[in-house]
Each structure stands twice: as C-alpha cells, then as structure tokens.
Amino acid sequence: MPCGPASFLIIAVDGAAASGKGTIAGKLAAHYGLPHLDTGLLYRAVGAAMMEAGADLDDTETAERLAQALDLTRLGDPGLTSAAAGEAASRVAALPAVRAALLRLQKDFAGQPGGAVLDGRDIGTVIAPEAPAKLYVSAAPEVRAHRRWLQTSARGEPRTEAQILADLLKRDARDAGRADAPMVRAADAVLLDTTLMSISTAFDEALRHVEQARRRWEASKG
C-alpha cells in the first residue's frame, strides 16, 4: 500500500543495466505514491527513432534533433525493451548533444511539486545532485547477464548469456568512459549490491536507506 507522497523532493536511483535499479525505483515510487521516470527509456526512445529513420547511431545532428522532438507517450512502447533498443540507447547516450537535449526534461521531472523517483545512470551526479535520497544499485556482471537473459528469453529473443554478458560489459565500458558524464557512484549515494539478493530483499534494503535519508532531510528542515 502506498504510504502517501514523500516529504522529500527526489529519490535518485543509479546503477548499471540489469542491476535491479528499475524494479527497485518502481517499487519505491509505488510505496511513496510518487511519479517515476525510467530515464533509460528516454535514450532507448531516441535510439529506436534513429533506427527507424535509418540513421547512423553516431550521427550527432540527427540524434539531437530526434531527442529535442521526443514524444514522452512513446515511453510506453514495449519495443523499447528489446536488445537492439538497448544497444542503440547506449550509443546515443554517449553523444553530449543528446544528453544536453534530454537534460532539461529530466530536471523538470525531478523538480515537480510533491517529489519524484528517477532511475538511470547519472541521476545522483548530473540530473539531481541535490537529491536527499540516493542509491547506487550494483550486481556482479554474470548475475546481471543471467537476469537479462531471463528477460530476453521470456520475450523469445534468441541470445545466449555469454552474448548478453559481452554486451553488458561493452556498455559499462562505454558509459564509464563518457567524457561529459561518466557513470560513477555519487559520493553521498548508498551502495546496494543486489548480487545475492531477491527483489523483495533488495527493495526492503533500499526502503530502509531511503527512510533514513528522509528522516535526515526532515530533521535538517527543522
């Protein structure tokens, strides 16, 4: 049962693909009755639009134009969960022009009255560095690959765990090497390693840390 809107503005949940950050963020949003934005879907939508346009994924001008014209109703498209969309998202996310085009949209979402939950790869460092509650969700690459394999297998995608692991490691390296906003843990973010956790255990642990952050934030307000 939702416990009503949280008294703090933002919960920032960062982490690598298949670490569990999206599921945890969604559950936190439901618990506190807050709107939730999976920021990775923004980049997946831009990547998918690039593929539909037949554009080179490194074409900065086209990617920036499509990012600026992004229709948020597209985020519900189930096709955005495909492996191809994920790879395209990682490619376009490395383009500073695309990140700049989507920055204001994400900041506006984070700053809306009543609070918000955002998950992605640079929420606590770039989008909402002022967020009172920050989590950085991690898991061993092999565990992340197995989780993603279960997801893709359920959708009928013929990919092996080895292929998925190679893709995840490549994406991690690309994200960590971004010059404008490398994927790093914010200094004040709580590290949550979900390698050995069930989703219910991971959520309980995340909620415990968020509640601690909420109490600290409320105390600071006097």
C-alpha atoms as a PDB file:
ATOM      1  CA  MET A   1       0.000   0.000   0.000  1.00  0.00           C
ATOM      2  CA  PRO A   2       1.331   3.461  -0.866  1.00  0.00           C
ATOM      3  CA  CYS A   3       2.219   5.446   2.221  1.00  0.00           C
ATOM      4  CA  GLY A   4       1.402   8.802   0.645  1.00  0.00           C
ATOM      5  CA  PRO A   5       3.688  11.332  -1.031  1.00  0.00           C
ATOM      6  CA  ALA A   6       7.150  11.508   0.451  1.00  0.00           C
ATOM      7  CA  SER A   7       8.168  14.708   2.134  1.00  0.00           C
ATOM      8  CA  PHE A   8      11.400  14.969   0.168  1.00  0.00           C
ATOM      9  CA  LEU A   9      11.626  16.028  -3.440  1.00  0.00           C
ATOM     10  CA  ILE A  10      13.724  13.372  -5.131  1.00  0.00           C
ATOM     11  CA  ILE A  11      14.818   9.758  -4.847  1.00  0.00           C
ATOM     12  CA  ALA A  12      17.729   9.131  -7.238  1.00  0.00           C
ATOM     13  CA  VAL A  13      18.445   5.514  -8.174  1.00  0.00           C
ATOM     14  CA  ASP A  14      21.532   4.887 -10.291  1.00  0.00           C
ATOM     15  CA  GLY A  15      23.216   1.718 -11.465  1.00  0.00           C
ATOM     16  CA  ALA A  16      24.188  -0.472 -14.371  1.00  0.00           C
ATOM     17  CA  ALA A  17      21.854  -2.370 -16.674  1.00  0.00           C
ATOM     18  CA  ALA A  18      20.096  -5.384 -15.084  1.00  0.00           C
ATOM     19  CA  SER A  19      21.313  -4.426 -11.607  1.00  0.00           C
ATOM     20  CA  GLY A  20      17.713  -4.171 -10.396  1.00  0.00           C
ATOM     21  CA  LYS A  21      17.590  -0.381 -10.233  1.00  0.00           C
ATOM     22  CA  GLY A  22      14.470  -0.020 -12.372  1.00  0.00           C
ATOM     23  CA  THR A  23      12.444  -2.534 -10.373  1.00  0.00           C
ATOM     24  CA  ILE A  24      13.575  -1.010  -7.082  1.00  0.00           C
ATOM     25  CA  ALA A  25      12.791   2.516  -8.285  1.00  0.00           C
ATOM     26  CA  GLY A  26       9.328   1.465  -9.437  1.00  0.00           C
ATOM     27  CA  LYS A  27       8.568  -0.148  -6.088  1.00  0.00           C
ATOM     28  CA  LEU A  28       9.807   2.923  -4.198  1.00  0.00           C
ATOM     29  CA  ALA A  29       7.604   5.152  -6.360  1.00  0.00           C
ATOM     30  CA  ALA A  30       4.572   2.951  -5.658  1.00  0.00           C
ATOM     31  CA  HIS A  31       5.345   2.855  -1.927  1.00  0.00           C
ATOM     32  CA  TYR A  32       5.583   6.628  -1.600  1.00  0.00           C
ATOM     33  CA  GLY A  33       2.928   7.483  -4.182  1.00  0.00           C
ATOM     34  CA  LEU A  34       5.427   9.382  -6.340  1.00  0.00           C
ATOM     35  CA  PRO A  35       5.771   9.676 -10.123  1.00  0.00           C
ATOM     36  CA  HIS A  36       8.557   7.539 -11.598  1.00  0.00           C
ATOM     37  CA  LEU A  37      10.759   8.160 -14.622  1.00  0.00           C
ATOM     38  CA  ASP A  38      12.990   5.450 -16.073  1.00  0.00           C
ATOM     39  CA  THR A  39      15.428   7.816 -17.786  1.00  0.00           C
ATOM     40  CA  GLY A  40      16.947   4.965 -19.749  1.00  0.00           C
ATOM     41  CA  LEU A  41      13.713   4.787 -21.727  1.00  0.00           C
ATOM     42  CA  LEU A  42      14.382   8.322 -22.993  1.00  0.00           C
ATOM     43  CA  TYR A  43      17.610   7.172 -24.599  1.00  0.00           C
ATOM     44  CA  ARG A  44      16.025   3.955 -25.815  1.00  0.00           C
ATOM     45  CA  ALA A  45      13.290   6.016 -27.478  1.00  0.00           C
ATOM     46  CA  VAL A  46      15.862   8.223 -29.201  1.00  0.00           C
ATOM     47  CA  GLY A  47      17.870   5.168 -30.253  1.00  0.00           C
ATOM     48  CA  ALA A  48      14.755   3.466 -31.614  1.00  0.00           C
ATOM     49  CA  ALA A  49      13.826   6.632 -33.521  1.00  0.00           C
ATOM     50  CA  MET A  50      17.330   6.701 -35.020  1.00  0.00           C
ATOM     51  CA  MET A  51      16.996   3.100 -36.195  1.00  0.00           C
ATOM     52  CA  GLU A  52      13.550   3.785 -37.652  1.00  0.00           C
ATOM     53  CA  ALA A  53      14.967   6.764 -39.538  1.00  0.00           C
ATOM     54  CA  GLY A  54      17.795   4.612 -40.879  1.00  0.00           C
ATOM     55  CA  ALA A  55      20.310   6.999 -39.360  1.00  0.00           C
ATOM     56  CA  ASP A  56      23.828   6.189 -38.221  1.00  0.00           C
ATOM     57  CA  LEU A  57      23.751   5.933 -34.422  1.00  0.00           C
ATOM     58  CA  ASP A  58      26.786   8.220 -34.277  1.00  0.00           C
ATOM     59  CA  ASP A  59      25.039  10.934 -36.320  1.00  0.00           C
ATOM     60  CA  THR A  60      25.006  13.679 -33.710  1.00  0.00           C
ATOM     61  CA  GLU A  61      22.870  16.144 -35.659  1.00  0.00           C
ATOM     62  CA  THR A  62      20.040  13.693 -36.318  1.00  0.00           C
ATOM     63  CA  ALA A  63      20.162  12.258 -32.804  1.00  0.00           C
ATOM     64  CA  GLU A  64      19.966  15.730 -31.265  1.00  0.00           C
ATOM     65  CA  ARG A  65      17.008  16.662 -33.459  1.00  0.00           C
ATOM     66  CA  LEU A  66      15.118  13.494 -32.553  1.00  0.00           C
ATOM     67  CA  ALA A  67      15.891  13.960 -28.845  1.00  0.00           C
ATOM     68  CA  GLN A  68      14.535  17.501 -28.921  1.00  0.00           C
ATOM     69  CA  ALA A  69      11.329  16.273 -30.579  1.00  0.00           C
ATOM     70  CA  LEU A  70      10.866  13.254 -28.310  1.00  0.00           C
ATOM     71  CA  ASP A  71       7.234  12.417 -27.520  1.00  0.00           C
ATOM     72  CA  LEU A  72       7.010  11.068 -23.966  1.00  0.00           C
ATOM     73  CA  THR A  73       3.977   8.958 -24.855  1.00  0.00           C
ATOM     74  CA  ARG A  74       6.447   6.781 -26.733  1.00  0.00           C
ATOM     75  CA  LEU A  75       7.999   5.584 -23.477  1.00  0.00           C
ATOM     76  CA  GLY A  76       5.217   3.009 -23.136  1.00  0.00           C
ATOM     77  CA  ASP A  77       6.253   1.241 -26.358  1.00  0.00           C
ATOM     78  CA  PRO A  78       7.161  -2.375 -25.438  1.00  0.00           C
ATOM     79  CA  GLY A  79       9.640  -2.391 -28.319  1.00  0.00           C
ATOM     80  CA  LEU A  80      11.909  -0.155 -26.250  1.00  0.00           C
ATOM     81  CA  THR A  81      12.808  -3.135 -24.054  1.00  0.00           C
ATOM     82  CA  SER A  82      14.480  -5.001 -26.931  1.00  0.00           C
ATOM     83  CA  ALA A  83      18.204  -5.718 -27.044  1.00  0.00           C
ATOM     84  CA  ALA A  84      18.546  -3.621 -30.192  1.00  0.00           C
ATOM     85  CA  ALA A  85      16.949  -0.627 -28.495  1.00  0.00           C
ATOM     86  CA  GLY A  86      19.232  -1.099 -25.504  1.00  0.00           C
ATOM     87  CA  GLU A  87      22.356  -1.111 -27.637  1.00  0.00           C
ATOM     88  CA  ALA A  88      21.134   1.916 -29.591  1.00  0.00           C
ATOM     89  CA  ALA A  89      20.404   3.715 -26.322  1.00  0.00           C
ATOM     90  CA  SER A  90      23.932   3.138 -25.088  1.00  0.00           C
ATOM     91  CA  ARG A  91      25.313   4.524 -28.359  1.00  0.00           C
ATOM     92  CA  VAL A  92      23.211   7.702 -28.456  1.00  0.00           C
ATOM     93  CA  ALA A  93      23.648   8.285 -24.712  1.00  0.00           C
ATOM     94  CA  ALA A  94      27.357   8.733 -25.387  1.00  0.00           C
ATOM     95  CA  LEU A  95      26.581  11.790 -27.573  1.00  0.00           C
ATOM     96  CA  PRO A  96      26.836  15.012 -25.489  1.00  0.00           C
ATOM     97  CA  ALA A  97      24.282  16.755 -27.731  1.00  0.00           C
ATOM     98  CA  VAL A  98      21.666  14.095 -26.959  1.00  0.00           C
ATOM     99  CA  ARG A  99      22.352  14.249 -23.247  1.00  0.00           C
ATOM    100  CA  ALA A 100      22.036  18.024 -23.317  1.00  0.00           C
ATOM    101  CA  ALA A 101      18.746  17.818 -25.225  1.00  0.00           C
ATOM    102  CA  LEU A 102      17.245  15.469 -22.635  1.00  0.00           C
ATOM    103  CA  LEU A 103      18.754  17.148 -19.571  1.00  0.00           C
ATOM    104  CA  ARG A 104      16.053  19.785 -19.076  1.00  0.00           C
ATOM    105  CA  LEU A 105      13.253  17.241 -19.462  1.00  0.00           C
ATOM    106  CA  GLN A 106      14.749  15.095 -16.709  1.00  0.00           C
ATOM    107  CA  LYS A 107      15.446  18.032 -14.411  1.00  0.00           C
ATOM    108  CA  ASP A 108      11.884  19.275 -14.852  1.00  0.00           C
ATOM    109  CA  PHE A 109      10.552  15.840 -13.929  1.00  0.00           C
ATOM    110  CA  ALA A 110      12.771  15.695 -10.856  1.00  0.00           C
ATOM    111  CA  GLY A 111      11.728  19.155  -9.720  1.00  0.00           C
ATOM    112  CA  GLN A 112       7.974  18.743  -9.945  1.00  0.00           C
ATOM    113  CA  PRO A 113       5.918  19.540  -6.818  1.00  0.00           C
ATOM    114  CA  GLY A 114       5.383  16.613  -4.464  1.00  0.00           C
ATOM    115  CA  GLY A 115       8.537  14.742  -5.376  1.00  0.00           C
ATOM    116  CA  ALA A 116       9.654  12.113  -7.869  1.00  0.00           C
ATOM    117  CA  VAL A 117      11.672   8.938  -8.292  1.00  0.00           C
ATOM    118  CA  LEU A 118      14.153   8.763 -11.167  1.00  0.00           C
ATOM    119  CA  ASP A 119      16.378   5.873 -12.138  1.00  0.00           C
ATOM    120  CA  GLY A 120      19.217   5.815 -14.619  1.00  0.00           C
ATOM    121  CA  ARG A 121      22.977   6.173 -14.785  1.00  0.00           C
ATOM    122  CA  ASP A 122      23.722   9.750 -13.756  1.00  0.00           C
ATOM    123  CA  ILE A 123      20.724  10.832 -11.711  1.00  0.00           C
ATOM    124  CA  GLY A 124      22.565  11.473  -8.464  1.00  0.00           C
ATOM    125  CA  THR A 125      25.561  13.144 -10.116  1.00  0.00           C
ATOM    126  CA  VAL A 126      24.139  15.154 -13.026  1.00  0.00           C
ATOM    127  CA  ILE A 127      20.333  15.246 -13.117  1.00  0.00           C
ATOM    128  CA  ALA A 128      19.605  15.716  -9.421  1.00  0.00           C
ATOM    129  CA  PRO A 129      22.821  16.081  -7.404  1.00  0.00           C
ATOM    130  CA  GLU A 130      20.736  17.798  -4.704  1.00  0.00           C
ATOM    131  CA  ALA A 131      18.541  14.702  -4.145  1.00  0.00           C
ATOM    132  CA  PRO A 132      18.296  13.882  -0.419  1.00  0.00           C
ATOM    133  CA  ALA A 133      17.982  10.130  -1.078  1.00  0.00           C
ATOM    134  CA  LYS A 134      20.441   8.447  -3.439  1.00  0.00           C
ATOM    135  CA  LEU A 135      21.028   4.777  -4.166  1.00  0.00           C
ATOM    136  CA  TYR A 136      23.632   3.191  -6.412  1.00  0.00           C
ATOM    137  CA  VAL A 137      22.491  -0.315  -7.314  1.00  0.00           C
ATOM    138  CA  SER A 138      25.130  -2.827  -8.320  1.00  0.00           C
ATOM    139  CA  ALA A 139      25.452  -6.539  -9.074  1.00  0.00           C
ATOM    140  CA  ALA A 140      28.097  -8.867 -10.434  1.00  0.00           C
ATOM    141  CA  PRO A 141      28.200  -8.806 -14.262  1.00  0.00           C
ATOM    142  CA  GLU A 142      27.460 -12.526 -14.521  1.00  0.00           C
ATOM    143  CA  VAL A 143      24.368 -12.140 -12.323  1.00  0.00           C
ATOM    144  CA  ARG A 144      23.204  -9.153 -14.355  1.00  0.00           C
ATOM    145  CA  ALA A 145      23.692 -11.138 -17.572  1.00  0.00           C
ATOM    146  CA  HIS A 146      21.624 -14.025 -16.192  1.00  0.00           C
ATOM    147  CA  ARG A 147      18.822 -11.668 -15.174  1.00  0.00           C
ATOM    148  CA  ARG A 148      18.805 -10.053 -18.600  1.00  0.00           C
ATOM    149  CA  TRP A 149      18.881 -13.478 -20.266  1.00  0.00           C
ATOM    150  CA  LEU A 150      15.778 -14.493 -18.318  1.00  0.00           C
ATOM    151  CA  GLN A 151      14.039 -11.311 -19.513  1.00  0.00           C
ATOM    152  CA  THR A 152      15.032 -11.698 -23.149  1.00  0.00           C
ATOM    153  CA  SER A 153      14.243 -15.412 -23.180  1.00  0.00           C
ATOM    154  CA  ALA A 154      10.745 -14.661 -21.919  1.00  0.00           C
ATOM    155  CA  ARG A 155      10.341 -12.328 -24.897  1.00  0.00           C
ATOM    156  CA  GLY A 156      11.579 -15.014 -27.283  1.00  0.00           C
ATOM    157  CA  GLU A 157      14.891 -13.332 -28.127  1.00  0.00           C
ATOM    158  CA  PRO A 158      17.479 -15.988 -29.132  1.00  0.00           C
ATOM    159  CA  ARG A 159      20.520 -14.693 -27.237  1.00  0.00           C
ATOM    160  CA  THR A 160      22.939 -16.586 -25.017  1.00  0.00           C
ATOM    161  CA  GLU A 161      24.091 -15.465 -21.592  1.00  0.00           C
ATOM    162  CA  ALA A 162      27.616 -15.142 -22.978  1.00  0.00           C
ATOM    163  CA  GLN A 163      26.420 -12.746 -25.678  1.00  0.00           C
ATOM    164  CA  ILE A 164      24.458 -10.690 -23.169  1.00  0.00           C
ATOM    165  CA  LEU A 165      27.414 -10.564 -20.775  1.00  0.00           C
ATOM    166  CA  ALA A 166      29.681  -9.301 -23.555  1.00  0.00           C
ATOM    167  CA  ASP A 167      27.140  -6.607 -24.459  1.00  0.00           C
ATOM    168  CA  LEU A 168      26.748  -5.515 -20.831  1.00  0.00           C
ATOM    169  CA  LEU A 169      30.498  -5.231 -20.328  1.00  0.00           C
ATOM    170  CA  LYS A 170      30.823  -3.232 -23.537  1.00  0.00           C
ATOM    171  CA  ARG A 171      28.048  -0.867 -22.444  1.00  0.00           C
ATOM    172  CA  ASP A 172      29.589  -0.477 -18.997  1.00  0.00           C
ATOM    173  CA  ALA A 173      32.925   0.468 -20.530  1.00  0.00           C
ATOM    174  CA  ARG A 174      31.272   2.949 -22.880  1.00  0.00           C
ATOM    175  CA  ASP A 175      29.272   4.560 -20.064  1.00  0.00           C
ATOM    176  CA  ALA A 176      32.257   4.747 -17.732  1.00  0.00           C
ATOM    177  CA  GLY A 177      34.300   6.422 -20.443  1.00  0.00           C
ATOM    178  CA  ARG A 178      31.856   9.204 -21.288  1.00  0.00           C
ATOM    179  CA  ALA A 179      33.756  12.474 -21.143  1.00  0.00           C
ATOM    180  CA  ASP A 180      30.762  14.624 -20.141  1.00  0.00           C
ATOM    181  CA  ALA A 181      29.139  12.371 -17.529  1.00  0.00           C
ATOM    182  CA  PRO A 182      30.843   9.059 -16.800  1.00  0.00           C
ATOM    183  CA  MET A 183      28.782   6.509 -14.918  1.00  0.00           C
ATOM    184  CA  VAL A 184      30.021   6.825 -11.350  1.00  0.00           C
ATOM    185  CA  ARG A 185      28.531   6.488  -7.890  1.00  0.00           C
ATOM    186  CA  ALA A 186      27.692   9.828  -6.276  1.00  0.00           C
ATOM    187  CA  ALA A 187      29.799  10.469  -3.188  1.00  0.00           C
ATOM    188  CA  ASP A 188      26.683  10.543  -0.979  1.00  0.00           C
ATOM    189  CA  ALA A 189      24.880   7.597  -2.606  1.00  0.00           C
ATOM    190  CA  VAL A 190      24.316   4.368  -0.672  1.00  0.00           C
ATOM    191  CA  LEU A 191      25.768   1.350  -2.449  1.00  0.00           C
ATOM    192  CA  LEU A 192      23.255  -1.501  -2.756  1.00  0.00           C
ATOM    193  CA  ASP A 193      24.792  -4.704  -4.118  1.00  0.00           C
ATOM    194  CA  THR A 194      21.942  -6.966  -5.204  1.00  0.00           C
ATOM    195  CA  THR A 195      24.112  -9.868  -6.389  1.00  0.00           C
ATOM    196  CA  LEU A 196      22.869 -12.227  -3.668  1.00  0.00           C
ATOM    197  CA  MET A 197      19.516 -10.549  -3.025  1.00  0.00           C
ATOM    198  CA  SER A 198      15.998 -11.415  -4.106  1.00  0.00           C
ATOM    199  CA  ILE A 199      13.994  -8.460  -5.377  1.00  0.00           C
ATOM    200  CA  SER A 200      11.972  -8.347  -2.153  1.00  0.00           C
ATOM    201  CA  THR A 201      15.141  -8.269  -0.042  1.00  0.00           C
ATOM    202  CA  ALA A 202      16.692  -5.629  -2.286  1.00  0.00           C
ATOM    203  CA  PHE A 203      13.582  -3.461  -2.022  1.00  0.00           C
ATOM    204  CA  ASP A 204      13.442  -3.803   1.757  1.00  0.00           C
ATOM    205  CA  GLU A 205      17.079  -2.747   1.992  1.00  0.00           C
ATOM    206  CA  ALA A 206      16.533   0.163  -0.407  1.00  0.00           C
ATOM    207  CA  LEU A 207      13.490   1.317   1.549  1.00  0.00           C
ATOM    208  CA  ARG A 208      15.460   1.212   4.799  1.00  0.00           C
ATOM    209  CA  HIS A 209      18.120   3.524   3.362  1.00  0.00           C
ATOM    210  CA  VAL A 210      15.557   5.863   1.814  1.00  0.00           C
ATOM    211  CA  GLU A 211      13.693   6.132   5.106  1.00  0.00           C
ATOM    212  CA  GLN A 212      16.938   7.046   6.853  1.00  0.00           C
ATOM    213  CA  ALA A 213      17.554   9.738   4.221  1.00  0.00           C
ATOM    214  CA  ARG A 214      14.002  11.028   4.614  1.00  0.00           C
ATOM    215  CA  ARG A 215      14.367  11.388   8.358  1.00  0.00           C
ATOM    216  CA  ARG A 216      17.703  13.184   7.979  1.00  0.00           C
ATOM    217  CA  TRP A 217      16.194  15.532   5.408  1.00  0.00           C
ATOM    218  CA  GLU A 218      13.190  16.312   7.593  1.00  0.00           C
ATOM    219  CA  ALA A 219      15.447  16.955  10.586  1.00  0.00           C
ATOM    220  CA  SER A 220      17.556  19.354   8.527  1.00  0.00           C
ATOM    221  CA  LYS A 221      14.421  21.347   7.726  1.00  0.00           C
ATOM    222  CA  GLY A 222      13.839  21.925  11.413  1.00  0.00           C
END
